[in-house]
Amino acid sequence: MRRFLGIRNQYKHSSIPDLMQPWYVYILECYDESLYTGITNDIDKRMQTHKAGKGSKYVRAKGFRELLH
């Protein structure tokens, strides 16, 4: 039991609350009319990453027209 409490205390100040943030599944329409599905916990930051051409290899190659959902 003591060891378990030590492990629990180890995570007390870590990023565990970040894991409790909502996650979003999103669908992008690419310029070739294909669809890309992704997941993120910061949708605005992820869209900026895609727009900058630094997101996934697929979207980097195809480019994206709009966020569908």
C-alpha atoms as a PDB file:
ATOM      1  CA  MET A   1       0.000   0.000   0.000  1.00  0.00           C
ATOM      2  CA  ARG A   2       2.801   2.426   0.822  1.00  0.00           C
ATOM      3  CA  ARG A   3       4.312   1.919  -2.609  1.00  0.00           C
ATOM      4  CA  PHE A   4       0.986   2.635  -4.297  1.00  0.00           C
ATOM      5  CA  LEU A   5       0.644   5.884  -2.381  1.00  0.00           C
ATOM      6  CA  GLY A   6       4.151   6.858  -3.450  1.00  0.00           C
ATOM      7  CA  ILE A   7       3.247   6.323  -7.091  1.00  0.00           C
ATOM      8  CA  ARG A   8       0.057   8.279  -6.675  1.00  0.00           C
ATOM      9  CA  ASN A   9       1.908  11.174  -5.049  1.00  0.00           C
ATOM     10  CA  GLN A  10       4.426  11.108  -7.890  1.00  0.00           C
ATOM     11  CA  TYR A  11       1.659  12.101 -10.315  1.00  0.00           C
ATOM     12  CA  LYS A  12       0.061  14.666  -8.045  1.00  0.00           C
ATOM     13  CA  HIS A  13       1.808  17.571  -9.753  1.00  0.00           C
ATOM     14  CA  SER A  14       2.184  16.096 -13.218  1.00  0.00           C
ATOM     15  CA  SER A  15       0.103  16.596 -16.333  1.00  0.00           C
ATOM     16  CA  ILE A  16      -2.688  14.194 -15.386  1.00  0.00           C
ATOM     17  CA  PRO A  17      -5.236  17.057 -15.432  1.00  0.00           C
ATOM     18  CA  ASP A  18      -4.245  17.575 -19.101  1.00  0.00           C
ATOM     19  CA  LEU A  19      -5.514  14.070 -19.805  1.00  0.00           C
ATOM     20  CA  MET A  20      -8.910  15.135 -18.510  1.00  0.00           C
ATOM     21  CA  GLN A  21      -9.248  17.864 -21.152  1.00  0.00           C
ATOM     22  CA  PRO A  22     -11.829  17.097 -23.831  1.00  0.00           C
ATOM     23  CA  TRP A  23     -10.555  15.487 -27.022  1.00  0.00           C
ATOM     24  CA  TYR A  24     -12.038  16.278 -30.422  1.00  0.00           C
ATOM     25  CA  VAL A  25     -12.344  14.164 -33.537  1.00  0.00           C
ATOM     26  CA  TYR A  26     -12.337  16.376 -36.613  1.00  0.00           C
ATOM     27  CA  ILE A  27     -12.890  15.900 -40.336  1.00  0.00           C
ATOM     28  CA  LEU A  28     -11.143  18.006 -42.952  1.00  0.00           C
ATOM     29  CA  GLU A  29     -11.999  18.235 -46.626  1.00  0.00           C
ATOM     30  CA  CYS A  30      -8.818  18.380 -48.697  1.00  0.00           C
ATOM     31  CA  TYR A  31      -8.414  20.215 -52.017  1.00  0.00           C
ATOM     32  CA  ASP A  32      -8.743  16.937 -53.933  1.00  0.00           C
ATOM     33  CA  GLU A  33     -12.124  16.385 -52.172  1.00  0.00           C
ATOM     34  CA  SER A  34     -10.737  13.557 -50.032  1.00  0.00           C
ATOM     35  CA  LEU A  35     -11.489  13.538 -46.311  1.00  0.00           C
ATOM     36  CA  TYR A  36      -9.013  13.414 -43.446  1.00  0.00           C
ATOM     37  CA  THR A  37      -9.970  12.505 -39.899  1.00  0.00           C
ATOM     38  CA  GLY A  38      -7.832  13.504 -36.939  1.00  0.00           C
ATOM     39  CA  ILE A  39      -7.949  13.812 -33.165  1.00  0.00           C
ATOM     40  CA  THR A  40      -6.712  16.616 -30.916  1.00  0.00           C
ATOM     41  CA  ASN A  41      -7.265  18.224 -27.542  1.00  0.00           C
ATOM     42  CA  ASP A  42      -6.660  21.747 -28.953  1.00  0.00           C
ATOM     43  CA  ILE A  43      -8.607  22.196 -32.185  1.00  0.00           C
ATOM     44  CA  ASP A  44      -7.491  25.788 -32.843  1.00  0.00           C
ATOM     45  CA  LYS A  45      -3.815  24.951 -32.446  1.00  0.00           C
ATOM     46  CA  ARG A  46      -4.188  21.860 -34.652  1.00  0.00           C
ATOM     47  CA  MET A  47      -5.897  23.813 -37.443  1.00  0.00           C
ATOM     48  CA  GLN A  48      -3.076  26.389 -37.350  1.00  0.00           C
ATOM     49  CA  THR A  49      -0.554  23.541 -37.576  1.00  0.00           C
ATOM     50  CA  HIS A  50      -2.355  22.125 -40.639  1.00  0.00           C
ATOM     51  CA  LYS A  51      -2.598  25.589 -42.249  1.00  0.00           C
ATOM     52  CA  ALA A  52       1.129  26.103 -41.735  1.00  0.00           C
ATOM     53  CA  GLY A  53       1.826  22.825 -43.578  1.00  0.00           C
ATOM     54  CA  LYS A  54       3.285  21.211 -40.471  1.00  0.00           C
ATOM     55  CA  GLY A  55       0.438  18.832 -39.649  1.00  0.00           C
ATOM     56  CA  SER A  56       0.053  15.280 -40.881  1.00  0.00           C
ATOM     57  CA  LYS A  57       1.869  14.104 -44.010  1.00  0.00           C
ATOM     58  CA  TYR A  58      -1.470  13.480 -45.714  1.00  0.00           C
ATOM     59  CA  VAL A  59      -2.841  16.986 -45.196  1.00  0.00           C
ATOM     60  CA  ARG A  60       0.568  18.502 -45.925  1.00  0.00           C
ATOM     61  CA  ALA A  61       0.515  16.790 -49.326  1.00  0.00           C
ATOM     62  CA  LYS A  62      -3.154  17.418 -50.150  1.00  0.00           C
ATOM     63  CA  GLY A  63      -3.798  20.738 -48.435  1.00  0.00           C
ATOM     64  CA  PHE A  64      -7.152  21.303 -46.823  1.00  0.00           C
ATOM     65  CA  ARG A  65     -10.084  23.342 -47.929  1.00  0.00           C
ATOM     66  CA  GLU A  66     -12.187  23.436 -44.787  1.00  0.00           C
ATOM     67  CA  LEU A  67     -13.009  21.908 -41.430  1.00  0.00           C
ATOM     68  CA  LEU A  68     -16.216  19.944 -41.947  1.00  0.00           C
ATOM     69  CA  HIS A  69     -16.856  18.694 -38.442  1.00  0.00           C
END
